[in-house]
Structures are given as structure tokens and as C-alpha cells.
PDB file of N, CA and C in Angstrom:
ATOM      1  N   MET A   1      14.172   6.379  33.342  1.00  0.00           N
ATOM      2  CA  MET A   1      14.191   5.449  32.169  1.00  0.00           C
ATOM      3  C   MET A   1      15.540   4.561  32.200  1.00  0.00           C
ATOM      4  N   SER A   2      15.424   3.211  32.035  1.00  0.00           N
ATOM      5  CA  SER A   2      16.710   2.443  32.178  1.00  0.00           C
ATOM      6  C   SER A   2      16.835   1.712  30.730  1.00  0.00           C
ATOM      7  N   VAL A   3      17.772   2.070  30.149  1.00  0.00           N
ATOM      8  CA  VAL A   3      18.173   1.403  28.803  1.00  0.00           C
ATOM      9  C   VAL A   3      19.160   0.429  29.042  1.00  0.00           C
ATOM     10  N   HIS A   4      18.995  -0.772  28.572  1.00  0.00           N
ATOM     11  CA  HIS A   4      20.084  -1.954  28.691  1.00  0.00           C
ATOM     12  C   HIS A   4      20.354  -2.395  27.278  1.00  0.00           C
ATOM     13  N   ALA A   5      21.531  -2.932  27.288  1.00  0.00           N
ATOM     14  CA  ALA A   5      21.861  -3.794  25.916  1.00  0.00           C
ATOM     15  C   ALA A   5      22.050  -5.136  26.084  1.00  0.00           C
ATOM     16  N   CYS A   6      21.338  -6.052  25.460  1.00  0.00           N
ATOM     17  CA  CYS A   6      21.378  -7.385  25.607  1.00  0.00           C
ATOM     18  C   CYS A   6      22.057  -8.094  24.548  1.00  0.00           C
ATOM     19  N   HIS A   7      23.016  -8.811  24.841  1.00  0.00           N
ATOM     20  CA  HIS A   7      23.895  -9.422  23.908  1.00  0.00           C
ATOM     21  C   HIS A   7      23.576 -10.941  23.685  1.00  0.00           C
ATOM     22  N   CYS A   8      22.311 -11.503  24.128  1.00  0.00           N
ATOM     23  CA  CYS A   8      21.997 -12.839  24.014  1.00  0.00           C
ATOM     24  C   CYS A   8      21.755 -13.130  22.461  1.00  0.00           C
ATOM     25  N   THR A   9      21.815 -14.397  22.117  1.00  0.00           N
ATOM     26  CA  THR A   9      21.719 -14.780  20.795  1.00  0.00           C
ATOM     27  C   THR A   9      20.225 -14.516  20.202  1.00  0.00           C
ATOM     28  N   ASP A  10      19.210 -14.574  21.224  1.00  0.00           N
ATOM     29  CA  ASP A  10      17.731 -14.246  20.836  1.00  0.00           C
ATOM     30  C   ASP A  10      17.737 -12.885  20.383  1.00  0.00           C
ATOM     31  N   CYS A  11      18.445 -11.957  21.285  1.00  0.00           N
ATOM     32  CA  CYS A  11      18.205 -10.492  20.919  1.00  0.00           C
ATOM     33  C   CYS A  11      19.071 -10.168  19.521  1.00  0.00           C
ATOM     34  N   GLN A  12      20.070 -10.886  19.427  1.00  0.00           N
ATOM     35  CA  GLN A  12      20.914 -10.707  18.098  1.00  0.00           C
ATOM     36  C   GLN A  12      20.230 -11.008  16.951  1.00  0.00           C
ATOM     37  N   THR A  13      19.415 -12.065  17.111  1.00  0.00           N
ATOM     38  CA  THR A  13      18.565 -12.683  16.005  1.00  0.00           C
ATOM     39  C   THR A  13      17.293 -11.721  15.696  1.00  0.00           C
ATOM     40  N   LEU A  14      16.699 -11.234  16.721  1.00  0.00           N
ATOM     41  CA  LEU A  14      15.478 -10.479  16.794  1.00  0.00           C
ATOM     42  C   LEU A  14      15.948  -8.980  16.150  1.00  0.00           C
ATOM     43  N   SER A  15      17.097  -8.516  16.596  1.00  0.00           N
ATOM     44  CA  SER A  15      17.623  -7.279  16.088  1.00  0.00           C
ATOM     45  C   SER A  15      18.126  -7.196  14.766  1.00  0.00           C
ATOM     46  N   GLY A  16      18.741  -8.412  14.354  1.00  0.00           N
ATOM     47  CA  GLY A  16      19.472  -8.386  13.114  1.00  0.00           C
ATOM     48  C   GLY A  16      20.779  -7.483  13.443  1.00  0.00           C
ATOM     49  N   SER A  17      21.278  -7.584  14.540  1.00  0.00           N
ATOM     50  CA  SER A  17      22.619  -6.904  14.930  1.00  0.00           C
ATOM     51  C   SER A  17      23.130  -7.582  16.024  1.00  0.00           C
ATOM     52  N   ALA A  18      24.437  -6.878  16.544  1.00  0.00           N
ATOM     53  CA  ALA A  18      25.127  -7.463  17.591  1.00  0.00           C
ATOM     54  C   ALA A  18      24.486  -7.421  18.944  1.00  0.00           C
ATOM     55  N   PHE A  19      23.557  -6.749  19.107  1.00  0.00           N
ATOM     56  CA  PHE A  19      22.941  -6.591  20.430  1.00  0.00           C
ATOM     57  C   PHE A  19      21.598  -5.979  20.226  1.00  0.00           C
ATOM     58  N   GLY A  20      20.661  -6.094  21.124  1.00  0.00           N
ATOM     59  CA  GLY A  20      19.404  -5.394  21.179  1.00  0.00           C
ATOM     60  C   GLY A  20      19.309  -4.350  22.377  1.00  0.00           C
ATOM     61  N   LEU A  21      18.829  -3.158  22.057  1.00  0.00           N
ATOM     62  CA  LEU A  21      18.617  -2.218  23.074  1.00  0.00           C
ATOM     63  C   LEU A  21      17.184  -2.222  23.479  1.00  0.00           C
ATOM     64  N   SER A  22      16.904  -2.143  24.858  1.00  0.00           N
ATOM     65  CA  SER A  22      15.572  -2.085  25.475  1.00  0.00           C
ATOM     66  C   SER A  22      15.619  -0.921  26.476  1.00  0.00           C
ATOM     67  N   MET A  23      14.340  -0.364  26.491  1.00  0.00           N
ATOM     68  CA  MET A  23      14.101   0.602  27.763  1.00  0.00           C
ATOM     69  C   MET A  23      12.770   0.072  28.448  1.00  0.00           C
ATOM     70  N   VAL A  24      13.081  -0.085  29.699  1.00  0.00           N
ATOM     71  CA  VAL A  24      12.087  -0.654  30.507  1.00  0.00           C
ATOM     72  C   VAL A  24      11.115   0.473  30.884  1.00  0.00           C
ATOM     73  N   LEU A  25       9.780   0.225  30.788  1.00  0.00           N
ATOM     74  CA  LEU A  25       8.816   1.242  30.941  1.00  0.00           C
ATOM     75  C   LEU A  25       7.531   0.659  31.588  1.00  0.00           C
ATOM     76  N   ASN A  26       6.610   1.328  32.311  1.00  0.00           N
ATOM     77  CA  ASN A  26       5.353   0.896  32.555  1.00  0.00           C
ATOM     78  C   ASN A  26       4.525   1.071  31.334  1.00  0.00           C
ATOM     79  N   LEU A  27       3.673   0.100  31.116  1.00  0.00           N
ATOM     80  CA  LEU A  27       2.776   0.156  29.946  1.00  0.00           C
ATOM     81  C   LEU A  27       1.941   1.295  29.994  1.00  0.00           C
ATOM     82  N   SER A  28       1.438   1.663  31.241  1.00  0.00           N
ATOM     83  CA  SER A  28       0.594   2.721  31.454  1.00  0.00           C
ATOM     84  C   SER A  28       1.197   4.182  31.156  1.00  0.00           C
ATOM     85  N   ASP A  29       2.601   4.226  30.982  1.00  0.00           N
ATOM     86  CA  ASP A  29       3.401   5.551  30.744  1.00  0.00           C
ATOM     87  C   ASP A  29       3.377   5.840  29.255  1.00  0.00           C
ATOM     88  N   ILE A  30       3.010   5.021  28.428  1.00  0.00           N
ATOM     89  CA  ILE A  30       3.059   5.328  26.928  1.00  0.00           C
ATOM     90  C   ILE A  30       1.687   5.366  26.316  1.00  0.00           C
ATOM     91  N   GLU A  31       1.727   5.963  25.094  1.00  0.00           N
ATOM     92  CA  GLU A  31       0.538   6.003  24.284  1.00  0.00           C
ATOM     93  C   GLU A  31       0.793   5.876  22.843  1.00  0.00           C
ATOM     94  N   VAL A  32       0.120   4.975  22.120  1.00  0.00           N
ATOM     95  CA  VAL A  32       0.283   4.826  20.673  1.00  0.00           C
ATOM     96  C   VAL A  32      -0.543   5.944  19.993  1.00  0.00           C
ATOM     97  N   THR A  33       0.092   6.940  19.187  1.00  0.00           N
ATOM     98  CA  THR A  33      -0.792   7.834  18.860  1.00  0.00           C
ATOM     99  C   THR A  33      -1.072   7.830  17.297  1.00  0.00           C
ATOM    100  N   LEU A  34      -0.290   6.890  16.553  1.00  0.00           N
ATOM    101  CA  LEU A  34      -0.445   6.760  15.281  1.00  0.00           C
ATOM    102  C   LEU A  34      -0.237   5.400  14.745  1.00  0.00           C
ATOM    103  N   GLY A  35      -1.073   4.932  13.799  1.00  0.00           N
ATOM    104  CA  GLY A  35      -1.006   3.607  13.445  1.00  0.00           C
ATOM    105  C   GLY A  35      -1.679   2.409  14.312  1.00  0.00           C
ATOM    106  N   GLU A  36      -1.535   1.235  13.809  1.00  0.00           N
ATOM    107  CA  GLU A  36      -2.186   0.071  14.606  1.00  0.00           C
ATOM    108  C   GLU A  36      -0.997  -0.777  14.830  1.00  0.00           C
ATOM    109  N   LEU A  37      -1.082  -1.519  16.205  1.00  0.00           N
ATOM    110  CA  LEU A  37      -0.124  -2.521  16.691  1.00  0.00           C
ATOM    111  C   LEU A  37      -0.703  -4.019  16.273  1.00  0.00           C
ATOM    112  N   GLN A  38       0.167  -4.762  16.034  1.00  0.00           N
ATOM    113  CA  GLN A  38      -0.062  -6.333  16.043  1.00  0.00           C
ATOM    114  C   GLN A  38       0.645  -6.914  16.853  1.00  0.00           C
ATOM    115  N   VAL A  39       0.284  -8.087  17.622  1.00  0.00           N
ATOM    116  CA  VAL A  39       1.215  -8.749  18.460  1.00  0.00           C
ATOM    117  C   VAL A  39       1.398 -10.195  18.081  1.00  0.00           C
ATOM    118  N   ASN A  40       2.643 -10.595  18.130  1.00  0.00           N
ATOM    119  CA  ASN A  40       2.980 -12.041  17.842  1.00  0.00           C
ATOM    120  C   ASN A  40       3.621 -12.579  19.060  1.00  0.00           C
ATOM    121  N   ASP A  41       3.279 -13.822  19.372  1.00  0.00           N
ATOM    122  CA  ASP A  41       3.751 -14.624  20.563  1.00  0.00           C
ATOM    123  C   ASP A  41       5.011 -15.300  20.145  1.00  0.00           C
ATOM    124  N   PHE A  42       5.961 -15.482  20.990  1.00  0.00           N
ATOM    125  CA  PHE A  42       7.035 -16.373  20.634  1.00  0.00           C
ATOM    126  C   PHE A  42       7.691 -16.651  22.059  1.00  0.00           C
ATOM    127  N   THR A  43       8.777 -17.604  21.961  1.00  0.00           N
ATOM    128  CA  THR A  43       9.273 -18.073  23.223  1.00  0.00           C
ATOM    129  C   THR A  43      10.943 -17.582  22.949  1.00  0.00           C
ATOM    130  N   ALA A  44      11.444 -16.967  24.073  1.00  0.00           N
ATOM    131  CA  ALA A  44      12.695 -16.529  23.954  1.00  0.00           C
ATOM    132  C   ALA A  44      13.514 -16.929  25.194  1.00  0.00           C
ATOM    133  N   SER A  45      14.531 -17.704  25.244  1.00  0.00           N
ATOM    134  CA  SER A  45      15.141 -18.103  26.588  1.00  0.00           C
ATOM    135  C   SER A  45      14.187 -18.763  27.427  1.00  0.00           C
ATOM    136  N   LYS A  46      13.342 -19.538  26.919  1.00  0.00           N
ATOM    137  CA  LYS A  46      12.392 -20.427  27.693  1.00  0.00           C
ATOM    138  C   LYS A  46      11.080 -19.444  28.347  1.00  0.00           C
ATOM    139  N   ASN A  47      11.269 -18.265  27.903  1.00  0.00           N
ATOM    140  CA  ASN A  47      10.042 -17.239  28.434  1.00  0.00           C
ATOM    141  C   ASN A  47       9.141 -16.963  27.220  1.00  0.00           C
ATOM    142  N   ARG A  48       7.830 -17.014  27.577  1.00  0.00           N
ATOM    143  CA  ARG A  48       6.820 -16.559  26.719  1.00  0.00           C
ATOM    144  C   ARG A  48       6.809 -15.115  26.473  1.00  0.00           C
ATOM    145  N   MET A  49       6.894 -14.592  25.289  1.00  0.00           N
ATOM    146  CA  MET A  49       6.906 -13.144  24.987  1.00  0.00           C
ATOM    147  C   MET A  49       6.030 -12.787  24.004  1.00  0.00           C
ATOM    148  N   HIS A  50       5.657 -11.451  24.038  1.00  0.00           N
ATOM    149  CA  HIS A  50       4.850 -10.808  22.990  1.00  0.00           C
ATOM    150  C   HIS A  50       5.593  -9.619  22.300  1.00  0.00           C
ATOM    151  N   ARG A  51       5.628  -9.697  20.970  1.00  0.00           N
ATOM    152  CA  ARG A  51       6.171  -8.759  20.167  1.00  0.00           C
ATOM    153  C   ARG A  51       5.149  -7.821  19.693  1.00  0.00           C
ATOM    154  N   HIS A  52       5.049  -6.561  19.966  1.00  0.00           N
ATOM    155  CA  HIS A  52       4.028  -5.436  19.616  1.00  0.00           C
ATOM    156  C   HIS A  52       4.875  -4.812  18.511  1.00  0.00           C
ATOM    157  N   HIS A  53       4.249  -4.981  17.369  1.00  0.00           N
ATOM    158  CA  HIS A  53       5.058  -4.271  16.081  1.00  0.00           C
ATOM    159  C   HIS A  53       3.917  -3.401  15.263  1.00  0.00           C
ATOM    160  N   CYS A  54       4.500  -2.627  14.462  1.00  0.00           N
ATOM    161  CA  CYS A  54       3.658  -1.860  13.576  1.00  0.00           C
ATOM    162  C   CYS A  54       2.744  -2.777  12.617  1.00  0.00           C
ATOM    163  N   ALA A  55       1.560  -2.559  12.553  1.00  0.00           N
ATOM    164  CA  ALA A  55       0.735  -3.427  11.432  1.00  0.00           C
ATOM    165  C   ALA A  55       1.285  -3.210  10.074  1.00  0.00           C
ATOM    166  N   LYS A  56       1.553  -1.912   9.780  1.00  0.00           N
ATOM    167  CA  LYS A  56       1.924  -1.458   8.576  1.00  0.00           C
ATOM    168  C   LYS A  56       3.396  -1.957   7.966  1.00  0.00           C
ATOM    169  N   CYS A  57       4.484  -1.582   8.746  1.00  0.00           N
ATOM    170  CA  CYS A  57       5.685  -1.845   8.362  1.00  0.00           C
ATOM    171  C   CYS A  57       6.394  -3.013   8.984  1.00  0.00           C
ATOM    172  N   GLY A  58       5.823  -3.326  10.167  1.00  0.00           N
ATOM    173  CA  GLY A  58       6.406  -4.672  10.837  1.00  0.00           C
ATOM    174  C   GLY A  58       7.410  -4.305  11.834  1.00  0.00           C
ATOM    175  N   VAL A  59       7.907  -3.159  11.987  1.00  0.00           N
ATOM    176  CA  VAL A  59       9.030  -2.817  12.941  1.00  0.00           C
ATOM    177  C   VAL A  59       8.522  -3.065  14.380  1.00  0.00           C
ATOM    178  N   ALA A  60       9.438  -3.668  15.197  1.00  0.00           N
ATOM    179  CA  ALA A  60       9.111  -3.926  16.631  1.00  0.00           C
ATOM    180  C   ALA A  60       9.139  -2.697  17.421  1.00  0.00           C
ATOM    181  N   ILE A  61       8.089  -2.426  18.112  1.00  0.00           N
ATOM    182  CA  ILE A  61       7.898  -1.234  19.069  1.00  0.00           C
ATOM    183  C   ILE A  61       8.403  -1.453  20.448  1.00  0.00           C
ATOM    184  N   TRP A  62       7.704  -2.675  20.955  1.00  0.00           N
ATOM    185  CA  TRP A  62       8.163  -3.089  22.375  1.00  0.00           C
ATOM    186  C   TRP A  62       7.776  -4.628  22.366  1.00  0.00           C
ATOM    187  N   PHE A  63       8.350  -5.251  23.471  1.00  0.00           N
ATOM    188  CA  PHE A  63       8.246  -6.459  23.872  1.00  0.00           C
ATOM    189  C   PHE A  63       7.480  -6.583  25.284  1.00  0.00           C
ATOM    190  N   SER A  64       6.662  -7.603  25.554  1.00  0.00           N
ATOM    191  CA  SER A  64       6.253  -7.771  26.821  1.00  0.00           C
ATOM    192  C   SER A  64       6.230  -9.243  27.168  1.00  0.00           C
ATOM    193  N   SER A  65       6.000  -9.539  28.518  1.00  0.00           N
ATOM    194  CA  SER A  65       5.860 -10.833  28.875  1.00  0.00           C
ATOM    195  C   SER A  65       4.835 -11.071  29.923  1.00  0.00           C
ATOM    196  N   PRO A  66       4.135 -12.134  29.985  1.00  0.00           N
ATOM    197  CA  PRO A  66       3.086 -12.353  31.035  1.00  0.00           C
ATOM    198  C   PRO A  66       3.822 -12.496  32.470  1.00  0.00           C
ATOM    199  N   SER A  67       5.063 -12.778  32.507  1.00  0.00           N
ATOM    200  CA  SER A  67       5.843 -12.885  33.743  1.00  0.00           C
ATOM    201  C   SER A  67       6.018 -11.497  34.383  1.00  0.00           C
ATOM    202  N   TYR A  68       5.928 -10.391  33.580  1.00  0.00           N
ATOM    203  CA  TYR A  68       6.024  -8.952  34.237  1.00  0.00           C
ATOM    204  C   TYR A  68       4.796  -8.157  33.657  1.00  0.00           C
ATOM    205  N   GLU A  69       3.771  -8.526  34.183  1.00  0.00           N
ATOM    206  CA  GLU A  69       2.475  -7.768  33.900  1.00  0.00           C
ATOM    207  C   GLU A  69       2.615  -6.163  33.979  1.00  0.00           C
ATOM    208  N   GLY A  70       2.241  -5.522  33.004  1.00  0.00           N
ATOM    209  CA  GLY A  70       2.281  -4.061  33.024  1.00  0.00           C
ATOM    210  C   GLY A  70       3.553  -3.333  32.641  1.00  0.00           C
ATOM    211  N   ILE A  71       4.663  -4.195  32.468  1.00  0.00           N
ATOM    212  CA  ILE A  71       5.917  -3.692  32.205  1.00  0.00           C
ATOM    213  C   ILE A  71       6.400  -3.963  30.773  1.00  0.00           C
ATOM    214  N   ILE A  72       6.967  -3.194  30.053  1.00  0.00           N
ATOM    215  CA  ILE A  72       7.232  -3.379  28.708  1.00  0.00           C
ATOM    216  C   ILE A  72       8.737  -2.886  28.446  1.00  0.00           C
ATOM    217  N   ALA A  73       9.315  -3.562  27.487  1.00  0.00           N
ATOM    218  CA  ALA A  73      10.625  -3.171  27.014  1.00  0.00           C
ATOM    219  C   ALA A  73      10.521  -2.654  25.523  1.00  0.00           C
ATOM    220  N   ILE A  74      10.449  -1.216  25.609  1.00  0.00           N
ATOM    221  CA  ILE A  74      10.378  -0.629  24.258  1.00  0.00           C
ATOM    222  C   ILE A  74      11.686  -0.523  23.561  1.00  0.00           C
ATOM    223  N   LYS A  75      11.594  -0.725  22.245  1.00  0.00           N
ATOM    224  CA  LYS A  75      12.868  -0.479  21.403  1.00  0.00           C
ATOM    225  C   LYS A  75      13.159   0.954  21.143  1.00  0.00           C
ATOM    226  N   PRO A  76      14.340   1.496  21.922  1.00  0.00           N
ATOM    227  CA  PRO A  76      14.678   2.811  21.798  1.00  0.00           C
ATOM    228  C   PRO A  76      14.911   3.358  20.431  1.00  0.00           C
ATOM    229  N   GLY A  77      15.234   2.498  19.429  1.00  0.00           N
ATOM    230  CA  GLY A  77      15.521   3.064  18.151  1.00  0.00           C
ATOM    231  C   GLY A  77      14.169   3.543  17.392  1.00  0.00           C
ATOM    232  N   THR A  78      13.023   3.210  18.107  1.00  0.00           N
ATOM    233  CA  THR A  78      11.721   3.834  17.508  1.00  0.00           C
ATOM    234  C   THR A  78      11.381   5.112  18.030  1.00  0.00           C
ATOM    235  N   LEU A  79      12.176   5.716  18.833  1.00  0.00           N
ATOM    236  CA  LEU A  79      11.902   6.870  19.410  1.00  0.00           C
ATOM    237  C   LEU A  79      12.450   8.074  18.487  1.00  0.00           C
ATOM    238  N   ASP A  80      11.833   9.341  18.643  1.00  0.00           N
ATOM    239  CA  ASP A  80      12.330  10.391  17.829  1.00  0.00           C
ATOM    240  C   ASP A  80      13.694  10.886  18.246  1.00  0.00           C
ATOM    241  N   ASP A  81      13.850  10.959  19.612  1.00  0.00           N
ATOM    242  CA  ASP A  81      15.187  11.562  20.039  1.00  0.00           C
ATOM    243  C   ASP A  81      15.710  10.491  21.037  1.00  0.00           C
ATOM    244  N   THR A  82      16.854  10.018  20.756  1.00  0.00           N
ATOM    245  CA  THR A  82      17.597   9.086  21.605  1.00  0.00           C
ATOM    246  C   THR A  82      18.971   9.658  22.053  1.00  0.00           C
ATOM    247  N   SER A  83      19.244  11.027  21.905  1.00  0.00           N
ATOM    248  CA  SER A  83      20.528  11.509  22.094  1.00  0.00           C
ATOM    249  C   SER A  83      20.785  11.305  23.667  1.00  0.00           C
ATOM    250  N   GLY A  84      19.922  11.489  24.592  1.00  0.00           N
ATOM    251  CA  GLY A  84      20.204  11.434  25.939  1.00  0.00           C
ATOM    252  C   GLY A  84      20.219   9.983  26.372  1.00  0.00           C
ATOM    253  N   LEU A  85      20.050   8.949  25.685  1.00  0.00           N
ATOM    254  CA  LEU A  85      19.938   7.561  26.238  1.00  0.00           C
ATOM    255  C   LEU A  85      21.281   6.925  26.309  1.00  0.00           C
ATOM    256  N   ARG A  86      21.695   6.260  27.330  1.00  0.00           N
ATOM    257  CA  ARG A  86      22.979   5.464  27.477  1.00  0.00           C
ATOM    258  C   ARG A  86      22.492   4.193  28.201  1.00  0.00           C
ATOM    259  N   PRO A  87      23.082   3.072  27.748  1.00  0.00           N
ATOM    260  CA  PRO A  87      22.800   1.700  28.509  1.00  0.00           C
ATOM    261  C   PRO A  87      23.390   1.840  30.032  1.00  0.00           C
ATOM    262  N   ILE A  88      22.362   1.492  30.904  1.00  0.00           N
ATOM    263  CA  ILE A  88      22.871   1.239  32.218  1.00  0.00           C
ATOM    264  C   ILE A  88      23.511  -0.048  32.527  1.00  0.00           C
ATOM    265  N   ALA A  89      23.410  -0.996  31.573  1.00  0.00           N
ATOM    266  CA  ALA A  89      23.896  -2.183  31.914  1.00  0.00           C
ATOM    267  C   ALA A  89      24.014  -3.044  30.508  1.00  0.00           C
ATOM    268  N   HIS A  90      25.045  -4.074  30.314  1.00  0.00           N
ATOM    269  CA  HIS A  90      25.156  -4.857  29.229  1.00  0.00           C
ATOM    270  C   HIS A  90      24.927  -6.306  29.778  1.00  0.00           C
ATOM    271  N   MET A  91      23.998  -6.929  29.401  1.00  0.00           N
ATOM    272  CA  MET A  91      23.810  -8.356  29.760  1.00  0.00           C
ATOM    273  C   MET A  91      23.976  -9.542  28.829  1.00  0.00           C
ATOM    274  N   TRP A  92      24.092 -10.669  29.185  1.00  0.00           N
ATOM    275  CA  TRP A  92      24.399 -11.839  28.495  1.00  0.00           C
ATOM    276  C   TRP A  92      25.536 -11.596  27.567  1.00  0.00           C
ATOM    277  N   TYR A  93      26.696 -10.808  28.154  1.00  0.00           N
ATOM    278  CA  TYR A  93      27.919 -10.569  27.540  1.00  0.00           C
ATOM    279  C   TYR A  93      28.563 -11.768  27.103  1.00  0.00           C
ATOM    280  N   ARG A  94      28.377 -12.825  27.801  1.00  0.00           N
ATOM    281  CA  ARG A  94      29.132 -14.176  27.420  1.00  0.00           C
ATOM    282  C   ARG A  94      28.760 -14.627  25.852  1.00  0.00           C
ATOM    283  N   SER A  95      27.631 -14.004  25.407  1.00  0.00           N
ATOM    284  CA  SER A  95      27.287 -14.264  24.134  1.00  0.00           C
ATOM    285  C   SER A  95      27.600 -13.179  23.061  1.00  0.00           C
ATOM    286  N   ALA A  96      28.180 -12.100  23.481  1.00  0.00           N
ATOM    287  CA  ALA A  96      28.608 -10.939  22.775  1.00  0.00           C
ATOM    288  C   ALA A  96      29.401 -11.282  21.462  1.00  0.00           C
ATOM    289  N   GLN A  97      29.341 -10.643  20.603  1.00  0.00           N
ATOM    290  CA  GLN A  97      30.232 -10.870  19.411  1.00  0.00           C
ATOM    291  C   GLN A  97      31.630 -10.570  19.818  1.00  0.00           C
ATOM    292  N   PRO A  98      32.564 -11.547  19.450  1.00  0.00           N
ATOM    293  CA  PRO A  98      33.999 -11.330  19.900  1.00  0.00           C
ATOM    294  C   PRO A  98      34.705  -9.864  19.491  1.00  0.00           C
ATOM    295  N   TRP A  99      34.188  -9.358  18.436  1.00  0.00           N
ATOM    296  CA  TRP A  99      34.726  -7.975  18.040  1.00  0.00           C
ATOM    297  C   TRP A  99      34.432  -6.986  18.970  1.00  0.00           C
ATOM    298  N   LEU A 100      33.408  -7.053  19.712  1.00  0.00           N
ATOM    299  CA  LEU A 100      32.494  -5.860  20.234  1.00  0.00           C
ATOM    300  C   LEU A 100      33.389  -5.522  21.618  1.00  0.00           C
ATOM    301  N   ASP A 101      33.563  -4.199  21.818  1.00  0.00           N
ATOM    302  CA  ASP A 101      34.010  -3.680  22.954  1.00  0.00           C
ATOM    303  C   ASP A 101      33.035  -2.683  23.407  1.00  0.00           C
ATOM    304  N   VAL A 102      32.379  -2.864  24.509  1.00  0.00           N
ATOM    305  CA  VAL A 102      31.316  -1.888  24.836  1.00  0.00           C
ATOM    306  C   VAL A 102      31.838  -0.414  25.037  1.00  0.00           C
ATOM    307  N   GLY A 103      33.056  -0.332  25.758  1.00  0.00           N
ATOM    308  CA  GLY A 103      33.557   0.962  25.828  1.00  0.00           C
ATOM    309  C   GLY A 103      32.923   1.987  26.651  1.00  0.00           C
ATOM    310  N   ASP A 104      32.106   1.661  27.572  1.00  0.00           N
ATOM    311  CA  ASP A 104      31.502   2.709  28.489  1.00  0.00           C
ATOM    312  C   ASP A 104      31.672   2.019  29.858  1.00  0.00           C
ATOM    313  N   ASP A 105      31.095   2.773  30.973  1.00  0.00           N
ATOM    314  CA  ASP A 105      31.253   2.489  32.345  1.00  0.00           C
ATOM    315  C   ASP A 105      30.093   1.684  32.809  1.00  0.00           C
ATOM    316  N   ALA A 106      29.179   1.075  31.947  1.00  0.00           N
ATOM    317  CA  ALA A 106      27.981   0.381  32.390  1.00  0.00           C
ATOM    318  C   ALA A 106      28.401  -0.981  32.957  1.00  0.00           C
ATOM    319  N   PRO A 107      27.779  -1.307  33.982  1.00  0.00           N
ATOM    320  CA  PRO A 107      28.248  -2.850  34.417  1.00  0.00           C
ATOM    321  C   PRO A 107      27.868  -3.875  33.312  1.00  0.00           C
ATOM    322  N   VAL A 108      28.701  -4.871  33.250  1.00  0.00           N
ATOM    323  CA  VAL A 108      28.594  -5.884  32.322  1.00  0.00           C
ATOM    324  C   VAL A 108      28.332  -7.263  33.203  1.00  0.00           C
ATOM    325  N   PHE A 109      27.089  -7.855  32.796  1.00  0.00           N
ATOM    326  CA  PHE A 109      26.773  -9.163  33.303  1.00  0.00           C
ATOM    327  C   PHE A 109      27.027 -10.285  32.268  1.00  0.00           C
ATOM    328  N   GLN A 110      27.680 -11.303  32.702  1.00  0.00           N
ATOM    329  CA  GLN A 110      27.830 -12.375  31.746  1.00  0.00           C
ATOM    330  C   GLN A 110      26.673 -13.013  31.293  1.00  0.00           C
ATOM    331  N   GLU A 111      25.556 -13.037  32.295  1.00  0.00           N
ATOM    332  CA  GLU A 111      24.219 -13.655  32.124  1.00  0.00           C
ATOM    333  C   GLU A 111      23.092 -12.666  32.364  1.00  0.00           C
ATOM    334  N   GLN A 112      21.880 -13.266  32.828  1.00  0.00           N
ATOM    335  CA  GLN A 112      20.857 -12.359  33.076  1.00  0.00           C
ATOM    336  C   GLN A 112      20.955 -11.859  34.489  1.00  0.00           C
ATOM    337  N   PRO A 113      20.848 -10.507  34.762  1.00  0.00           N
ATOM    338  CA  PRO A 113      20.742 -10.041  36.082  1.00  0.00           C
ATOM    339  C   PRO A 113      19.424 -10.214  36.481  1.00  0.00           C
ATOM    340  N   SER A 114      19.209  -9.979  37.763  1.00  0.00           N
ATOM    341  CA  SER A 114      17.805 -10.070  38.341  1.00  0.00           C
ATOM    342  C   SER A 114      17.162  -8.887  37.766  1.00  0.00           C
ATOM    343  N   PHE A 115      15.787  -8.881  37.784  1.00  0.00           N
ATOM    344  CA  PHE A 115      14.994  -7.651  37.573  1.00  0.00           C
ATOM    345  C   PHE A 115      15.378  -6.663  38.712  1.00  0.00           C
ATOM    346  N   GLU A 116      15.490  -7.089  40.077  1.00  0.00           N
ATOM    347  CA  GLU A 116      15.697  -5.990  40.989  1.00  0.00           C
ATOM    348  C   GLU A 116      17.193  -5.480  40.842  1.00  0.00           C
ATOM    349  N   GLU A 117      18.164  -6.151  40.314  1.00  0.00           N
ATOM    350  CA  GLU A 117      19.427  -5.480  40.056  1.00  0.00           C
ATOM    351  C   GLU A 117      19.263  -4.372  39.009  1.00  0.00           C
ATOM    352  N   LEU A 118      18.509  -4.698  37.880  1.00  0.00           N
ATOM    353  CA  LEU A 118      18.186  -3.711  36.853  1.00  0.00           C
ATOM    354  C   LEU A 118      17.492  -2.453  37.473  1.00  0.00           C
ATOM    355  N   LEU A 119      16.436  -2.690  38.222  1.00  0.00           N
ATOM    356  CA  LEU A 119      15.628  -1.669  38.976  1.00  0.00           C
ATOM    357  C   LEU A 119      16.676  -0.811  39.607  1.00  0.00           C
ATOM    358  N   GLU A 120      17.578  -1.327  40.488  1.00  0.00           N
ATOM    359  CA  GLU A 120      18.340  -0.607  41.220  1.00  0.00           C
ATOM    360  C   GLU A 120      19.320   0.233  40.456  1.00  0.00           C
ATOM    361  N   LEU A 121      19.936  -0.553  39.386  1.00  0.00           N
ATOM    362  CA  LEU A 121      20.758   0.299  38.423  1.00  0.00           C
ATOM    363  C   LEU A 121      20.104   1.571  37.889  1.00  0.00           C
ATOM    364  N   GLY A 122      18.770   1.358  37.514  1.00  0.00           N
ATOM    365  CA  GLY A 122      17.947   2.448  36.915  1.00  0.00           C
ATOM    366  C   GLY A 122      17.786   3.538  37.806  1.00  0.00           C
ATOM    367  N   ARG A 123      17.695   3.238  39.207  1.00  0.00           N
ATOM    368  CA  ARG A 123      17.378   4.235  40.206  1.00  0.00           C
ATOM    369  C   ARG A 123      18.685   5.194  40.287  1.00  0.00           C
ATOM    370  N   LYS A 124      19.839   4.431  40.216  1.00  0.00           N
ATOM    371  CA  LYS A 124      21.175   5.054  40.340  1.00  0.00           C
ATOM    372  C   LYS A 124      21.517   5.986  39.120  1.00  0.00           C
ATOM    373  N   SER A 125      20.953   5.669  38.007  1.00  0.00           N
ATOM    374  CA  SER A 125      21.346   6.445  36.769  1.00  0.00           C
ATOM    375  C   SER A 125      20.587   7.802  36.682  1.00  0.00           C
TER     376      SER A 125
END
């Protein structure tokens, strides 16, 4: 499982925080066992995205994109146990809040790393 922190302004807005955390998974690796999901379409950084959220409370569960069929970015804060999760990378750091110091050994990318770079970092972690 690869968790990354995105500091782009879109993720700051969507998360209501200084950055957004995402964990990349295959859609086939998860199962929704309670509640219903709703999907909203939007555009972020010129990419068409789908926000999958709880129909009852509205919390975002994961995001997907037609550009990466079968791959999702789940929001780790929705998991019951996140104690073992650490970001493998920080991206779009040029948009990070000026007071933020990541304070870890994860690589920092000023913009968007390639999907292949993220996969390689995930393999190494």
C-alpha cells in the first residue's frame, strides 16, 4: 500500500486541510460492506475525477479517474486503523503551506511525479 501526501491547492480545498492523504489501491481489492456510495464528477488539475462518498454523511471515501481504470485513491482517514501508514512521498510541495515542515524521510516532489515513480516508491516501501 502506498500512501502519499498531496499539497496541491485542489487537495487542500477538497480536504479542508493543508494537504490531502491518498492510498493507491486496485478497486478490486476493496469491498464496501456498509452504507451506500454516491459519485460526483469534477475536474481537478485538468483531469476528470470521480468522488465516491457516503450517501448518508457525505464523507469522501475514495477518488477515481477514467485515466486510471481500476485504480482508486482511498482516503486513509476513513480506515479504522491508520497507525502503520506513512507517506512514501510528498507531491506538489511548491503549493504547500509555508509553515509546513514534512519532517520525514519521504521524497518531496515540487510537482506531480509520474505514476511509474509512485509505483516504484511503493515497491520500495
